[in-house]
């Protein structure tokens, strides 16, 4: 009896583990694709249709900062707002955003990622932004979709490493 139970548990562990590994890979792929879709040299149009496919309906984006008195300030926008406001700038100026560190927590069909980034100027090649994206994802009909992204640039009071403690 004990052998049968142990064999059943071992078999179920083998079946469950690949699904979790696939989810982790799929989540990381969505995050990598997010960075790739907004990145490119001066003059390169971004594939915003692909970007829309990465997001669930009603998804939100937002930037957060310390605010004028240190009490927090921010703005939440839609994906279409982001595309309208940032799309032309990305093409005119060139911009590459790359992850420098990403940690993903998953629970069922919900995932949360902290992803540190560097923003690189498309003309000079210099890093001019450093911060952290906080990304929430949902698994919908078998696909991981972005539900929200909030980001904050690094400051003296809030170094990137503090987001990972």
N, C-alpha and C. Protein backbone atom coordinates (compact mmCIF):
# COMPACT_ATOMS: atom_id res chain seq x y z
N UNK A 1 0.83 -1.20 0.00
CA UNK A 1 0.00 0.00 0.00
C UNK A 1 0.87 1.26 0.00
N UNK A 2 1.88 1.31 0.91
CA UNK A 2 2.77 2.48 0.97
C UNK A 2 3.49 2.66 -0.37
N UNK A 3 3.91 1.56 -0.98
CA UNK A 3 4.61 1.64 -2.25
C UNK A 3 3.69 2.22 -3.33
N UNK A 4 2.43 1.81 -3.33
CA UNK A 4 1.47 2.32 -4.31
C UNK A 4 1.26 3.81 -4.14
N UNK A 5 1.11 4.26 -2.89
CA UNK A 5 0.91 5.70 -2.62
C UNK A 5 2.15 6.49 -3.04
N UNK A 6 3.34 6.00 -2.67
CA UNK A 6 4.57 6.69 -3.05
C UNK A 6 4.73 6.75 -4.58
N UNK A 7 4.40 5.65 -5.24
CA UNK A 7 4.50 5.64 -6.71
C UNK A 7 3.52 6.64 -7.32
N UNK A 8 2.31 6.72 -6.77
CA UNK A 8 1.32 7.68 -7.27
C UNK A 8 1.79 9.11 -7.06
N UNK A 9 2.36 9.39 -5.88
CA UNK A 9 2.87 10.74 -5.62
C UNK A 9 4.02 11.08 -6.54
N UNK A 10 4.92 10.14 -6.75
CA UNK A 10 6.06 10.39 -7.62
C UNK A 10 5.60 10.64 -9.05
N UNK A 11 4.63 9.88 -9.51
CA UNK A 11 4.10 10.07 -10.86
C UNK A 11 3.43 11.42 -10.99
N UNK A 12 2.63 11.81 -9.99
CA UNK A 12 1.96 13.11 -10.08
C UNK A 12 2.96 14.24 -10.04
N UNK A 13 4.05 14.10 -9.30
CA UNK A 13 5.07 15.14 -9.25
C UNK A 13 5.72 15.31 -10.62
N UNK A 14 5.93 14.21 -11.31
CA UNK A 14 6.53 14.28 -12.63
C UNK A 14 5.57 14.96 -13.61
N UNK A 15 4.29 14.71 -13.46
CA UNK A 15 3.30 15.32 -14.36
C UNK A 15 3.12 16.80 -14.06
N UNK A 16 3.10 17.19 -12.79
CA UNK A 16 2.85 18.58 -12.40
C UNK A 16 4.06 19.47 -12.67
N UNK A 17 5.25 19.00 -12.41
CA UNK A 17 6.45 19.84 -12.52
C UNK A 17 6.64 20.45 -13.90
N UNK A 18 6.49 19.67 -15.02
CA UNK A 18 6.67 20.31 -16.33
C UNK A 18 5.68 21.44 -16.60
N UNK A 19 4.44 21.33 -16.12
CA UNK A 19 3.47 22.40 -16.33
C UNK A 19 3.93 23.68 -15.66
N UNK A 20 4.44 23.57 -14.43
CA UNK A 20 4.94 24.76 -13.73
C UNK A 20 6.15 25.33 -14.45
N UNK A 21 7.03 24.46 -14.94
CA UNK A 21 8.21 24.93 -15.67
C UNK A 21 7.78 25.62 -16.96
N UNK A 22 6.79 25.07 -17.66
CA UNK A 22 6.28 25.69 -18.88
C UNK A 22 5.71 27.07 -18.58
N UNK A 23 4.94 27.18 -17.48
CA UNK A 23 4.38 28.47 -17.10
C UNK A 23 5.48 29.49 -16.85
N UNK A 24 6.51 29.11 -16.12
CA UNK A 24 7.61 30.04 -15.83
C UNK A 24 8.27 30.50 -17.12
N UNK A 25 8.48 29.58 -18.03
CA UNK A 25 9.08 29.93 -19.32
C UNK A 25 8.16 30.86 -20.12
N UNK A 26 6.86 30.54 -20.12
CA UNK A 26 5.90 31.36 -20.86
C UNK A 26 5.80 32.77 -20.28
N UNK A 27 5.80 32.88 -18.96
CA UNK A 27 5.74 34.19 -18.30
C UNK A 27 6.99 35.00 -18.67
N UNK A 28 8.16 34.38 -18.58
CA UNK A 28 9.40 35.07 -18.92
C UNK A 28 9.39 35.51 -20.38
N UNK A 29 8.83 34.69 -21.26
CA UNK A 29 8.74 35.04 -22.68
C UNK A 29 7.89 36.28 -22.88
N UNK A 30 6.75 36.37 -22.17
CA UNK A 30 5.90 37.57 -22.28
C UNK A 30 6.67 38.81 -21.84
N UNK A 31 7.41 38.69 -20.74
CA UNK A 31 8.19 39.83 -20.24
C UNK A 31 9.28 40.21 -21.23
N UNK A 32 9.98 39.22 -21.76
CA UNK A 32 11.02 39.50 -22.78
C UNK A 32 10.41 40.17 -24.02
N UNK A 33 9.24 39.67 -24.44
CA UNK A 33 8.56 40.25 -25.61
C UNK A 33 8.13 41.68 -25.34
N UNK A 34 7.72 41.97 -24.11
CA UNK A 34 7.34 43.33 -23.75
C UNK A 34 8.51 44.29 -23.93
N UNK A 35 9.68 43.90 -23.41
CA UNK A 35 10.86 44.75 -23.60
C UNK A 35 11.20 44.90 -25.08
N UNK A 36 11.11 43.81 -25.82
CA UNK A 36 11.48 43.83 -27.24
C UNK A 36 10.57 44.72 -28.07
N UNK A 37 9.27 44.71 -27.76
CA UNK A 37 8.32 45.44 -28.62
C UNK A 37 8.46 46.96 -28.50
N UNK A 38 8.93 47.45 -27.38
CA UNK A 38 9.10 48.91 -27.26
C UNK A 38 10.52 49.35 -27.62
N UNK A 39 11.40 48.39 -27.86
CA UNK A 39 12.80 48.70 -28.13
C UNK A 39 13.07 48.76 -29.63
N UNK A 40 13.97 49.66 -30.01
CA UNK A 40 14.38 49.74 -31.40
C UNK A 40 15.15 51.02 -31.66
N UNK A 41 15.80 51.05 -32.81
CA UNK A 41 16.60 52.23 -33.16
C UNK A 41 15.72 53.40 -33.62
N UNK A 42 16.35 54.54 -33.78
CA UNK A 42 15.67 55.72 -34.31
C UNK A 42 15.06 55.36 -35.66
N UNK A 43 13.82 55.78 -35.85
CA UNK A 43 13.14 55.57 -37.11
C UNK A 43 12.39 54.24 -37.25
N UNK A 44 12.61 53.32 -36.35
CA UNK A 44 11.93 52.02 -36.45
C UNK A 44 10.55 52.08 -35.80
N UNK A 45 9.52 51.78 -36.61
CA UNK A 45 8.17 51.69 -36.08
C UNK A 45 8.09 50.52 -35.11
N UNK A 46 7.30 50.67 -34.06
CA UNK A 46 7.10 49.58 -33.11
C UNK A 46 5.86 48.79 -33.52
N UNK A 47 5.86 47.51 -33.20
CA UNK A 47 4.75 46.63 -33.56
C UNK A 47 3.71 46.67 -32.43
N UNK A 48 2.91 47.73 -32.44
CA UNK A 48 1.94 47.90 -31.37
C UNK A 48 0.78 46.90 -31.45
N UNK A 49 0.53 46.32 -32.62
CA UNK A 49 -0.48 45.26 -32.69
C UNK A 49 -0.01 44.05 -31.88
N UNK A 50 1.26 43.71 -31.97
CA UNK A 50 1.81 42.62 -31.15
C UNK A 50 1.74 42.98 -29.67
N UNK A 51 2.00 44.23 -29.37
CA UNK A 51 1.94 44.66 -27.98
C UNK A 51 0.52 44.50 -27.44
N UNK A 52 -0.45 44.89 -28.23
CA UNK A 52 -1.86 44.75 -27.80
C UNK A 52 -2.21 43.29 -27.52
N UNK A 53 -1.63 42.37 -28.28
CA UNK A 53 -1.88 40.95 -28.08
C UNK A 53 -1.33 40.45 -26.73
N UNK A 54 -0.31 41.11 -26.22
CA UNK A 54 0.29 40.72 -24.94
C UNK A 54 -0.55 41.11 -23.74
N UNK A 55 -1.45 42.08 -23.92
CA UNK A 55 -2.21 42.65 -22.81
C UNK A 55 -3.64 42.12 -22.81
N UNK A 56 -4.20 41.96 -21.63
CA UNK A 56 -5.61 41.60 -21.55
C UNK A 56 -6.45 42.86 -21.71
N UNK A 57 -7.70 42.68 -22.08
CA UNK A 57 -8.60 43.82 -22.23
C UNK A 57 -8.71 44.56 -20.90
N UNK A 58 -8.65 45.88 -20.96
CA UNK A 58 -8.76 46.70 -19.76
C UNK A 58 -7.47 46.83 -18.96
N UNK A 59 -6.36 46.35 -19.49
CA UNK A 59 -5.08 46.43 -18.79
C UNK A 59 -4.69 47.88 -18.54
N UNK A 60 -3.90 48.08 -17.51
CA UNK A 60 -3.46 49.44 -17.17
C UNK A 60 -1.94 49.51 -17.09
N UNK A 61 -1.45 50.73 -17.27
CA UNK A 61 -0.03 51.01 -17.18
C UNK A 61 0.11 52.28 -16.35
N UNK A 62 1.23 52.42 -15.68
CA UNK A 62 1.40 53.65 -14.93
C UNK A 62 2.82 53.86 -14.44
N UNK A 63 3.13 55.11 -14.25
CA UNK A 63 4.42 55.52 -13.71
C UNK A 63 4.20 56.11 -12.33
N UNK A 64 5.09 55.78 -11.43
CA UNK A 64 5.02 56.24 -10.05
C UNK A 64 6.33 56.94 -9.73
N UNK A 65 6.26 58.00 -8.94
CA UNK A 65 7.45 58.74 -8.54
C UNK A 65 7.29 59.23 -7.11
N UNK A 66 8.32 59.84 -6.59
CA UNK A 66 8.30 60.31 -5.21
C UNK A 66 7.28 61.42 -4.99
N UNK A 67 7.02 62.22 -5.99
CA UNK A 67 6.09 63.33 -5.83
C UNK A 67 6.80 64.54 -5.26
N UNK A 68 6.16 65.71 -5.34
CA UNK A 68 6.81 66.96 -4.96
C UNK A 68 7.20 67.03 -3.48
N UNK A 69 6.45 66.40 -2.62
CA UNK A 69 6.75 66.44 -1.18
C UNK A 69 7.17 65.07 -0.66
N UNK A 70 7.49 64.16 -1.59
CA UNK A 70 7.89 62.83 -1.20
C UNK A 70 6.73 61.93 -0.83
N UNK A 71 5.50 62.38 -1.10
CA UNK A 71 4.34 61.60 -0.70
C UNK A 71 3.76 60.74 -1.81
N UNK A 72 4.44 60.61 -2.90
CA UNK A 72 4.00 59.75 -4.00
C UNK A 72 3.16 60.48 -5.02
N UNK A 73 3.46 60.22 -6.26
CA UNK A 73 2.70 60.79 -7.37
C UNK A 73 2.73 59.76 -8.49
N UNK A 74 1.70 59.78 -9.29
CA UNK A 74 1.68 58.83 -10.39
C UNK A 74 0.51 59.06 -11.29
N UNK A 75 0.49 58.27 -12.34
CA UNK A 75 -0.59 58.36 -13.30
C UNK A 75 -0.80 56.97 -13.87
N UNK A 76 -2.06 56.57 -13.99
CA UNK A 76 -2.41 55.30 -14.60
C UNK A 76 -3.06 55.61 -15.95
N UNK A 77 -2.62 54.89 -16.98
CA UNK A 77 -3.13 55.09 -18.32
C UNK A 77 -3.48 53.74 -18.94
N UNK A 78 -4.17 53.77 -20.05
CA UNK A 78 -4.46 52.55 -20.79
C UNK A 78 -3.29 52.26 -21.74
N UNK A 79 -3.31 51.06 -22.28
CA UNK A 79 -2.31 50.70 -23.28
C UNK A 79 -2.39 51.63 -24.49
N UNK A 80 -3.60 51.92 -24.94
CA UNK A 80 -3.74 52.83 -26.08
C UNK A 80 -3.22 54.23 -25.77
N UNK A 81 -3.43 54.71 -24.53
CA UNK A 81 -2.85 55.99 -24.12
C UNK A 81 -1.33 55.95 -24.23
N UNK A 82 -0.74 54.84 -23.76
CA UNK A 82 0.72 54.69 -23.82
C UNK A 82 1.20 54.73 -25.26
N UNK A 83 0.53 53.98 -26.12
CA UNK A 83 0.92 53.93 -27.53
C UNK A 83 0.81 55.32 -28.17
N UNK A 84 -0.27 56.02 -27.88
CA UNK A 84 -0.48 57.35 -28.45
C UNK A 84 0.58 58.34 -27.95
N UNK A 85 0.87 58.29 -26.66
CA UNK A 85 1.81 59.25 -26.07
C UNK A 85 3.27 58.90 -26.33
N UNK A 86 3.61 57.63 -26.21
CA UNK A 86 5.01 57.22 -26.28
C UNK A 86 5.45 56.73 -27.65
N UNK A 87 4.50 56.24 -28.45
CA UNK A 87 4.85 55.66 -29.75
C UNK A 87 5.69 56.57 -30.63
N UNK A 88 5.25 57.81 -30.88
CA UNK A 88 6.05 58.71 -31.71
C UNK A 88 7.43 58.99 -31.11
N UNK A 89 7.50 59.15 -29.80
CA UNK A 89 8.78 59.43 -29.15
C UNK A 89 9.75 58.27 -29.33
N UNK A 90 9.24 57.04 -29.18
CA UNK A 90 10.10 55.87 -29.35
C UNK A 90 10.71 55.82 -30.74
N UNK A 91 9.93 56.17 -31.76
CA UNK A 91 10.41 56.15 -33.14
C UNK A 91 11.39 57.30 -33.39
N UNK A 92 11.05 58.48 -32.92
CA UNK A 92 11.90 59.66 -33.15
C UNK A 92 13.24 59.58 -32.43
N UNK A 93 13.24 59.04 -31.23
CA UNK A 93 14.44 59.07 -30.40
C UNK A 93 15.19 57.76 -30.34
N UNK A 94 14.54 56.68 -30.69
CA UNK A 94 15.16 55.38 -30.49
C UNK A 94 15.24 55.10 -29.00
N UNK A 95 15.05 53.89 -28.64
CA UNK A 95 15.02 53.53 -27.22
C UNK A 95 15.10 52.02 -27.11
N UNK A 96 15.92 51.57 -26.20
CA UNK A 96 15.97 50.15 -25.88
C UNK A 96 15.83 50.00 -24.38
N UNK A 97 14.90 49.15 -24.00
CA UNK A 97 14.75 48.84 -22.57
C UNK A 97 15.11 47.37 -22.42
N UNK A 98 15.98 47.10 -21.46
CA UNK A 98 16.40 45.72 -21.25
C UNK A 98 16.34 45.38 -19.77
N UNK A 99 15.94 44.15 -19.51
CA UNK A 99 15.87 43.67 -18.13
C UNK A 99 17.27 43.42 -17.61
N UNK A 100 17.49 43.79 -16.37
CA UNK A 100 18.77 43.49 -15.72
C UNK A 100 18.59 42.46 -14.61
N UNK A 101 17.35 42.28 -14.18
CA UNK A 101 17.04 41.29 -13.15
C UNK A 101 15.52 41.13 -13.11
N UNK A 102 15.06 39.89 -13.09
CA UNK A 102 13.63 39.64 -13.03
C UNK A 102 13.35 38.51 -12.05
N UNK A 103 12.38 38.73 -11.19
CA UNK A 103 11.91 37.69 -10.28
C UNK A 103 10.41 37.54 -10.49
N UNK A 104 9.98 36.29 -10.60
CA UNK A 104 8.58 35.99 -10.89
C UNK A 104 8.00 35.14 -9.77
N UNK A 105 6.85 35.54 -9.28
CA UNK A 105 6.08 34.74 -8.33
C UNK A 105 4.80 34.33 -9.04
N UNK A 106 4.45 33.06 -8.92
CA UNK A 106 3.25 32.56 -9.58
C UNK A 106 2.40 31.80 -8.58
N UNK A 107 1.11 31.99 -8.67
CA UNK A 107 0.15 31.23 -7.89
C UNK A 107 -1.03 30.94 -8.78
N UNK A 108 -1.10 29.70 -9.25
CA UNK A 108 -2.17 29.32 -10.17
C UNK A 108 -2.10 30.13 -11.45
N UNK A 109 -3.19 30.82 -11.76
CA UNK A 109 -3.28 31.59 -12.99
C UNK A 109 -2.90 33.05 -12.80
N UNK A 110 -2.25 33.35 -11.70
CA UNK A 110 -1.81 34.72 -11.42
C UNK A 110 -0.28 34.70 -11.30
N UNK A 111 0.35 35.69 -11.91
CA UNK A 111 1.79 35.84 -11.77
C UNK A 111 2.11 37.31 -11.54
N UNK A 112 3.19 37.52 -10.81
CA UNK A 112 3.63 38.87 -10.49
C UNK A 112 5.14 38.89 -10.71
N UNK A 113 5.61 39.87 -11.44
CA UNK A 113 7.05 39.97 -11.71
C UNK A 113 7.58 41.33 -11.29
N UNK A 114 8.74 41.31 -10.70
CA UNK A 114 9.53 42.51 -10.47
C UNK A 114 10.68 42.41 -11.48
N UNK A 115 10.77 43.40 -12.33
CA UNK A 115 11.78 43.34 -13.39
C UNK A 115 12.54 44.66 -13.44
N UNK A 116 13.78 44.61 -12.98
CA UNK A 116 14.64 45.80 -13.05
C UNK A 116 15.03 46.02 -14.51
N UNK A 117 15.16 47.29 -14.88
CA UNK A 117 15.45 47.60 -16.27
C UNK A 117 16.46 48.74 -16.39
N UNK A 118 17.04 48.79 -17.58
CA UNK A 118 17.85 49.93 -18.02
C UNK A 118 17.25 50.42 -19.32
N UNK A 119 17.10 51.73 -19.43
CA UNK A 119 16.65 52.35 -20.66
C UNK A 119 17.85 52.97 -21.35
N UNK A 120 18.05 52.62 -22.62
CA UNK A 120 19.23 53.06 -23.37
C UNK A 120 18.80 54.04 -24.46
N UNK A 121 19.47 55.19 -24.51
CA UNK A 121 19.22 56.22 -25.52
C UNK A 121 19.59 55.67 -26.90
N UNK A 122 18.65 55.81 -27.84
CA UNK A 122 18.86 55.27 -29.18
C UNK A 122 19.91 56.00 -30.00
N UNK A 123 20.27 57.21 -29.63
CA UNK A 123 21.27 57.97 -30.38
C UNK A 123 22.66 57.80 -29.77
N UNK A 124 22.75 57.98 -28.45
CA UNK A 124 24.06 57.96 -27.80
C UNK A 124 24.47 56.59 -27.27
N UNK A 125 23.49 55.70 -27.09
CA UNK A 125 23.81 54.39 -26.52
C UNK A 125 23.99 54.41 -25.01
N UNK A 126 23.76 55.58 -24.41
CA UNK A 126 23.94 55.71 -22.96
C UNK A 126 22.70 55.25 -22.20
N UNK A 127 22.94 54.63 -21.03
CA UNK A 127 21.85 54.28 -20.13
C UNK A 127 21.38 55.57 -19.47
N UNK A 128 20.10 55.91 -19.62
CA UNK A 128 19.60 57.14 -19.02
C UNK A 128 18.43 56.90 -18.08
N UNK A 129 17.93 55.68 -18.02
CA UNK A 129 16.87 55.32 -17.10
C UNK A 129 17.22 54.00 -16.41
N UNK A 130 17.00 53.95 -15.13
CA UNK A 130 17.14 52.71 -14.38
C UNK A 130 15.95 52.67 -13.44
N UNK A 131 15.31 51.53 -13.36
CA UNK A 131 14.15 51.42 -12.49
C UNK A 131 13.64 50.01 -12.41
N UNK A 132 12.39 49.88 -11.95
CA UNK A 132 11.77 48.57 -11.81
C UNK A 132 10.35 48.62 -12.36
N UNK A 133 10.02 47.62 -13.17
CA UNK A 133 8.66 47.39 -13.63
C UNK A 133 8.02 46.36 -12.70
N UNK A 134 6.82 46.63 -12.26
CA UNK A 134 6.03 45.67 -11.49
C UNK A 134 4.92 45.21 -12.42
N UNK A 135 4.95 43.95 -12.81
CA UNK A 135 4.07 43.44 -13.86
C UNK A 135 3.16 42.35 -13.27
N UNK A 136 1.86 42.50 -13.49
CA UNK A 136 0.89 41.49 -13.08
C UNK A 136 0.37 40.80 -14.34
N UNK A 137 0.34 39.48 -14.29
CA UNK A 137 -0.12 38.71 -15.44
C UNK A 137 -1.20 37.73 -15.01
N UNK A 138 -2.13 37.44 -15.92
CA UNK A 138 -3.16 36.43 -15.70
C UNK A 138 -3.06 35.41 -16.82
N UNK A 139 -3.29 34.15 -16.48
CA UNK A 139 -3.36 33.11 -17.50
C UNK A 139 -4.81 32.98 -17.92
N UNK A 140 -5.09 33.38 -19.16
CA UNK A 140 -6.45 33.41 -19.68
C UNK A 140 -6.51 32.47 -20.88
N UNK A 141 -7.39 31.48 -20.81
CA UNK A 141 -7.57 30.53 -21.90
C UNK A 141 -6.23 29.96 -22.36
N UNK A 142 -5.35 29.67 -21.41
CA UNK A 142 -4.07 29.03 -21.70
C UNK A 142 -2.93 29.96 -22.04
N UNK A 143 -3.20 31.27 -22.15
CA UNK A 143 -2.14 32.22 -22.50
C UNK A 143 -1.92 33.22 -21.36
N UNK A 144 -0.68 33.55 -21.11
CA UNK A 144 -0.35 34.57 -20.11
C UNK A 144 -0.50 35.95 -20.74
N UNK A 145 -1.29 36.79 -20.11
CA UNK A 145 -1.54 38.15 -20.59
C UNK A 145 -1.19 39.14 -19.49
N UNK A 146 -0.70 40.30 -19.89
CA UNK A 146 -0.37 41.35 -18.93
C UNK A 146 -1.65 42.06 -18.51
N UNK A 147 -1.85 42.16 -17.20
CA UNK A 147 -3.01 42.86 -16.65
C UNK A 147 -2.64 44.28 -16.26
N UNK A 148 -1.41 44.46 -15.77
CA UNK A 148 -0.98 45.80 -15.38
C UNK A 148 0.53 45.88 -15.31
N UNK A 149 1.01 47.08 -15.50
CA UNK A 149 2.43 47.39 -15.30
C UNK A 149 2.49 48.74 -14.58
N UNK A 150 3.21 48.77 -13.49
CA UNK A 150 3.58 50.03 -12.85
C UNK A 150 5.09 50.09 -12.83
N UNK A 151 5.65 51.25 -13.07
CA UNK A 151 7.10 51.36 -13.04
C UNK A 151 7.50 52.59 -12.25
N UNK A 152 8.71 52.49 -11.75
CA UNK A 152 9.29 53.58 -10.98
C UNK A 152 10.77 53.63 -11.30
N UNK A 153 11.27 54.83 -11.57
CA UNK A 153 12.70 54.97 -11.79
C UNK A 153 13.41 55.00 -10.45
N UNK A 154 14.64 54.58 -10.51
CA UNK A 154 15.47 54.53 -9.31
C UNK A 154 15.74 55.95 -8.81
N UNK A 155 15.87 56.09 -7.51
CA UNK A 155 16.28 57.35 -6.90
C UNK A 155 17.24 57.02 -5.76
N UNK A 156 17.79 58.03 -5.19
CA UNK A 156 18.70 57.84 -4.07
C UNK A 156 17.99 57.12 -2.92
N UNK A 157 16.75 57.51 -2.66
CA UNK A 157 15.98 56.88 -1.58
C UNK A 157 15.47 55.50 -1.93
N UNK A 158 15.29 55.22 -3.22
CA UNK A 158 14.74 53.96 -3.67
C UNK A 158 15.62 53.33 -4.74
N UNK A 159 16.75 52.73 -4.33
CA UNK A 159 17.61 52.04 -5.30
C UNK A 159 16.91 50.76 -5.79
N UNK A 160 17.27 50.32 -6.97
CA UNK A 160 16.65 49.13 -7.57
C UNK A 160 16.72 47.93 -6.62
N UNK A 161 17.85 47.74 -5.97
CA UNK A 161 18.00 46.57 -5.10
C UNK A 161 16.93 46.51 -4.01
N UNK A 162 16.41 47.65 -3.58
CA UNK A 162 15.39 47.67 -2.54
C UNK A 162 14.10 46.98 -2.99
N UNK A 163 13.84 46.93 -4.29
CA UNK A 163 12.64 46.26 -4.80
C UNK A 163 12.74 44.74 -4.69
N UNK A 164 13.94 44.23 -4.48
CA UNK A 164 14.16 42.78 -4.46
C UNK A 164 14.50 42.26 -3.07
N UNK A 165 14.36 43.09 -2.07
CA UNK A 165 14.68 42.64 -0.70
C UNK A 165 13.51 41.94 -0.07
